[in-house]
């Protein structure tokens, strides 16, 4: 076994240790929520990595969210139909008031 002949001095020890430096970790912004995140790690704020949910519960919620727009489009079509019927009702009321005025 190798044994040093002399004790290493403080200066030599300090010079040797001077080459080992701590580096600042690389960070990026989460594309989903904008939180500062360490690179190549899951966002702690929203639980996504590269825009994809990581937790199983989040994956289920995302799958449900993908199905939700189809339902919203049907609601929009019903809202449009309701708006058209309201316009027709307003037109009928307007015609009735015009007829009443002409009768008087």
Foldseek 3Di string as FASTA:
>chain_A
DDDDPDDDDPVNVCVVCVVDDDDDFDWDADPPPRDIGGPPDADPPQQDDPPHHDDPVVNVVVVVVVVVVVVVVVVVVVVVVVVVVVVVVVVVVVVVVVVVVVVD
